[in-house]
Amino acid sequence: MDSALTAGKLIDMKWKLGVAVSSDECKSLNSPYVTMTLKVADPSGKISTHSREMTVPQFQNFSQQMKEMANKMEMV
């Protein structure tokens, strides 16, 4: 298999919910967000960590897509 086409192996996935309460530009945000951290091993075994911050609706959409993908994989 060509390594340029592989996405790597998911080693770990963690997420946490946070609330941004203020910033330099806005004194009162009160905006919830989700930080997701993935640990991925490339084909050589090197592990890298990737973090992504999302709004709650973005995380809910991501979660739904993962559920749909899992359901399709069960059919294979």
Protein backbone atom coordinates (compact mmCIF):
# COMPACT_ATOMS: atom_id res chain seq x y z
CA MET A 1 0.00 0.00 0.00
CA ASP A 2 1.31 3.48 -0.87
CA SER A 3 2.07 5.39 2.36
CA ALA A 4 0.96 8.66 0.73
CA LEU A 5 -2.59 7.33 0.80
CA THR A 6 -2.67 6.16 4.42
CA ALA A 7 -4.11 8.30 7.19
CA GLY A 8 -2.30 6.54 9.99
CA LYS A 9 -3.62 4.61 12.96
CA LEU A 10 -5.68 6.34 15.63
CA ILE A 11 -3.97 5.66 18.96
CA ASP A 12 -6.04 7.87 21.27
CA MET A 13 -8.79 10.47 21.14
CA LYS A 14 -9.74 12.81 23.95
CA TRP A 15 -12.14 15.71 24.09
CA LYS A 16 -13.05 18.34 26.63
CA LEU A 17 -15.71 20.99 26.86
CA GLY A 18 -14.76 24.55 27.72
CA VAL A 19 -16.31 28.00 27.84
CA ALA A 20 -14.58 31.12 26.58
CA VAL A 21 -15.63 33.85 29.01
CA SER A 22 -13.78 36.84 27.56
CA SER A 23 -11.05 37.95 25.17
CA ASP A 24 -9.12 41.09 24.31
CA GLU A 25 -11.72 41.94 21.68
CA CYS A 26 -14.89 40.91 23.51
CA LYS A 27 -15.45 41.35 27.24
CA SER A 28 -18.23 38.75 27.56
CA LEU A 29 -18.23 35.78 25.21
CA ASN A 30 -19.71 32.90 27.23
CA SER A 31 -19.14 30.70 24.18
CA PRO A 32 -18.86 26.92 24.73
CA TYR A 33 -16.32 25.02 22.65
CA VAL A 34 -14.90 21.51 22.40
CA THR A 35 -11.19 20.76 22.17
CA MET A 36 -10.43 17.40 20.59
CA THR A 37 -6.95 15.87 20.72
CA LEU A 38 -5.98 12.92 18.50
CA LYS A 39 -2.84 10.80 18.76
CA VAL A 40 -2.03 9.20 15.41
CA ALA A 41 0.73 6.79 14.42
CA ASP A 42 2.02 7.11 10.86
CA PRO A 43 3.01 3.99 8.86
CA SER A 44 6.55 4.11 10.32
CA GLY A 45 5.14 4.13 13.88
CA LYS A 46 5.94 7.77 14.64
CA ILE A 47 3.21 9.19 16.89
CA SER A 48 1.97 12.73 16.44
CA THR A 49 -0.64 14.71 18.36
CA HIS A 50 -3.23 16.89 16.64
CA SER A 51 -5.57 19.25 18.47
CA ARG A 52 -8.67 20.89 17.05
CA GLU A 53 -11.03 23.39 18.67
CA MET A 54 -14.66 23.36 17.50
CA THR A 55 -17.92 24.99 18.36
CA VAL A 56 -20.45 22.68 19.98
CA PRO A 57 -22.51 22.42 16.73
CA GLN A 58 -19.34 21.54 14.79
CA PHE A 59 -18.51 18.83 17.33
CA GLN A 60 -22.07 17.47 17.18
CA ASN A 61 -21.79 17.28 13.38
CA PHE A 62 -18.41 15.53 13.66
CA SER A 63 -19.87 13.07 16.18
CA GLN A 64 -22.81 12.31 13.89
CA GLN A 65 -20.47 11.68 10.96
CA MET A 66 -18.39 9.30 13.09
CA LYS A 67 -21.56 7.39 14.09
CA GLU A 68 -22.62 7.11 10.45
CA MET A 69 -19.15 5.90 9.47
CA ALA A 70 -19.17 3.29 12.27
CA ASN A 71 -22.58 2.05 11.14
CA LYS A 72 -21.35 1.66 7.55
CA MET A 73 -18.22 -0.15 8.70
CA GLU A 74 -20.36 -2.67 10.60
CA MET A 75 -22.08 -3.56 7.32
CA VAL A 76 -18.78 -4.49 5.64
